Amino acid sequence: MRPALPFMNTTITRPPLTRGPIRYRNHFRWRVMPPDGATEHGLFDRSFQNKKQALAYQKQVKARFPGEPCCLIDTGRWYDSLGRIIR
């Protein structure tokens, strides 16, 4: 019989358990940012829970300002305990 290899005699130690970041659900994930000057016409930066509502608002803004940029931002699904976005 062969002797055991030296690396097979080592014991495996597992690292101590560490708690992951506390995550909070982002209920206003989708953000629409109209162009500058849209606030005078009653179109403000708004956040929405689902993408369908955000796209509808973005179409409404683009109908009033066809040549101006209108941003749709996905801010992520989760926040940490300090309010920062977890990607």
C-alpha atoms as a PDB file:
ATOM      1  CA  MET A   1       0.000   0.000   0.000  1.00  0.00           C
ATOM      2  CA  ARG A   2       1.190   3.502  -0.817  1.00  0.00           C
ATOM      3  CA  PRO A   3       1.675   6.187   1.828  1.00  0.00           C
ATOM      4  CA  ALA A   4      -0.858   9.034   1.832  1.00  0.00           C
ATOM      5  CA  LEU A   5       0.081  12.168  -0.022  1.00  0.00           C
ATOM      6  CA  PRO A   6       1.030  15.099   2.226  1.00  0.00           C
ATOM      7  CA  PHE A   7      -1.672  17.442   0.936  1.00  0.00           C
ATOM      8  CA  MET A   8      -4.368  14.898   1.755  1.00  0.00           C
ATOM      9  CA  ASN A   9      -3.607  15.034   5.484  1.00  0.00           C
ATOM     10  CA  THR A  10      -4.363  18.735   5.871  1.00  0.00           C
ATOM     11  CA  THR A  11      -7.584  19.742   7.546  1.00  0.00           C
ATOM     12  CA  ILE A  12      -9.929  22.178   5.911  1.00  0.00           C
ATOM     13  CA  THR A  13     -10.987  25.124   8.024  1.00  0.00           C
ATOM     14  CA  ARG A  14     -13.920  27.185   6.944  1.00  0.00           C
ATOM     15  CA  PRO A  15     -13.947  30.954   7.329  1.00  0.00           C
ATOM     16  CA  PRO A  16     -16.219  32.477   9.955  1.00  0.00           C
ATOM     17  CA  LEU A  17     -19.715  33.360   8.823  1.00  0.00           C
ATOM     18  CA  THR A  18     -20.154  36.986   7.889  1.00  0.00           C
ATOM     19  CA  ARG A  19     -23.433  38.729   7.353  1.00  0.00           C
ATOM     20  CA  GLY A  20     -24.096  40.067   3.877  1.00  0.00           C
ATOM     21  CA  PRO A  21     -25.441  43.542   3.277  1.00  0.00           C
ATOM     22  CA  ILE A  22     -28.990  44.209   4.403  1.00  0.00           C
ATOM     23  CA  ARG A  23     -31.075  44.739   1.293  1.00  0.00           C
ATOM     24  CA  TYR A  24     -34.211  46.814   0.941  1.00  0.00           C
ATOM     25  CA  ARG A  25     -36.551  46.542  -2.023  1.00  0.00           C
ATOM     26  CA  ASN A  26     -36.501  49.542  -4.363  1.00  0.00           C
ATOM     27  CA  HIS A  27     -40.186  50.235  -5.041  1.00  0.00           C
ATOM     28  CA  PHE A  28     -39.449  53.184  -7.322  1.00  0.00           C
ATOM     29  CA  ARG A  29     -36.965  51.504  -9.634  1.00  0.00           C
ATOM     30  CA  TRP A  30     -37.649  53.251 -12.948  1.00  0.00           C
ATOM     31  CA  ARG A  31     -36.882  56.978 -13.163  1.00  0.00           C
ATOM     32  CA  VAL A  32     -37.834  59.303 -16.013  1.00  0.00           C
ATOM     33  CA  MET A  33     -35.959  62.587 -16.333  1.00  0.00           C
ATOM     34  CA  PRO A  34     -37.513  65.078 -18.790  1.00  0.00           C
ATOM     35  CA  PRO A  35     -35.386  67.739 -20.531  1.00  0.00           C
ATOM     36  CA  ASP A  36     -34.573  71.119 -19.035  1.00  0.00           C
ATOM     37  CA  GLY A  37     -37.509  73.488 -19.177  1.00  0.00           C
ATOM     38  CA  ALA A  38     -40.147  70.756 -18.874  1.00  0.00           C
ATOM     39  CA  THR A  39     -40.985  71.767 -15.314  1.00  0.00           C
ATOM     40  CA  GLU A  40     -42.641  74.945 -16.603  1.00  0.00           C
ATOM     41  CA  HIS A  41     -45.047  72.676 -18.511  1.00  0.00           C
ATOM     42  CA  GLY A  42     -45.793  70.456 -15.500  1.00  0.00           C
ATOM     43  CA  LEU A  43     -43.511  67.545 -16.433  1.00  0.00           C
ATOM     44  CA  PHE A  44     -41.208  66.710 -13.527  1.00  0.00           C
ATOM     45  CA  ASP A  45     -38.691  63.989 -12.722  1.00  0.00           C
ATOM     46  CA  ARG A  46     -40.741  60.986 -11.633  1.00  0.00           C
ATOM     47  CA  SER A  47     -40.064  57.465 -10.422  1.00  0.00           C
ATOM     48  CA  PHE A  48     -42.254  54.448 -11.119  1.00  0.00           C
ATOM     49  CA  GLN A  49     -42.621  50.940  -9.766  1.00  0.00           C
ATOM     50  CA  ASN A  50     -42.825  49.211 -13.118  1.00  0.00           C
ATOM     51  CA  LYS A  51     -41.300  49.848 -16.499  1.00  0.00           C
ATOM     52  CA  LYS A  52     -44.619  49.996 -18.339  1.00  0.00           C
ATOM     53  CA  GLN A  53     -45.731  53.093 -16.415  1.00  0.00           C
ATOM     54  CA  ALA A  54     -42.322  54.720 -16.881  1.00  0.00           C
ATOM     55  CA  LEU A  55     -42.395  54.176 -20.646  1.00  0.00           C
ATOM     56  CA  ALA A  56     -45.901  55.648 -20.849  1.00  0.00           C
ATOM     57  CA  TYR A  57     -44.724  58.793 -19.030  1.00  0.00           C
ATOM     58  CA  GLN A  58     -41.634  58.986 -21.232  1.00  0.00           C
ATOM     59  CA  LYS A  59     -43.833  58.847 -24.361  1.00  0.00           C
ATOM     60  CA  GLN A  60     -45.966  61.644 -22.918  1.00  0.00           C
ATOM     61  CA  VAL A  61     -42.860  63.777 -22.373  1.00  0.00           C
ATOM     62  CA  LYS A  62     -41.461  63.013 -25.831  1.00  0.00           C
ATOM     63  CA  ALA A  63     -44.773  63.998 -27.416  1.00  0.00           C
ATOM     64  CA  ARG A  64     -44.456  67.484 -25.876  1.00  0.00           C
ATOM     65  CA  PHE A  65     -40.690  67.773 -26.536  1.00  0.00           C
ATOM     66  CA  PRO A  66     -39.900  65.691 -29.648  1.00  0.00           C
ATOM     67  CA  GLY A  67     -36.380  67.016 -30.286  1.00  0.00           C
ATOM     68  CA  GLU A  68     -35.170  67.019 -26.672  1.00  0.00           C
ATOM     69  CA  PRO A  69     -33.556  64.140 -24.758  1.00  0.00           C
ATOM     70  CA  CYS A  70     -35.662  62.314 -22.167  1.00  0.00           C
ATOM     71  CA  CYS A  71     -33.868  59.864 -19.916  1.00  0.00           C
ATOM     72  CA  LEU A  72     -35.229  56.533 -18.636  1.00  0.00           C
ATOM     73  CA  ILE A  73     -33.022  55.180 -15.850  1.00  0.00           C
ATOM     74  CA  ASP A  74     -33.057  51.777 -14.172  1.00  0.00           C
ATOM     75  CA  THR A  75     -31.890  52.445 -10.616  1.00  0.00           C
ATOM     76  CA  GLY A  76     -31.662  48.771  -9.651  1.00  0.00           C
ATOM     77  CA  ARG A  77     -33.765  46.422  -7.582  1.00  0.00           C
ATOM     78  CA  TRP A  78     -32.169  46.797  -4.156  1.00  0.00           C
ATOM     79  CA  TYR A  79     -30.883  49.451  -1.752  1.00  0.00           C
ATOM     80  CA  ASP A  80     -28.554  48.933   1.193  1.00  0.00           C
ATOM     81  CA  SER A  81     -29.268  50.282   4.677  1.00  0.00           C
ATOM     82  CA  LEU A  82     -27.676  53.657   3.812  1.00  0.00           C
ATOM     83  CA  GLY A  83     -29.806  54.182   0.714  1.00  0.00           C
ATOM     84  CA  ARG A  84     -27.114  53.320  -1.816  1.00  0.00           C
ATOM     85  CA  ILE A  85     -28.003  51.206  -4.828  1.00  0.00           C
ATOM     86  CA  ILE A  86     -26.811  47.595  -4.812  1.00  0.00           C
ATOM     87  CA  ARG A  87     -26.025  46.397  -8.328  1.00  0.00           C
END
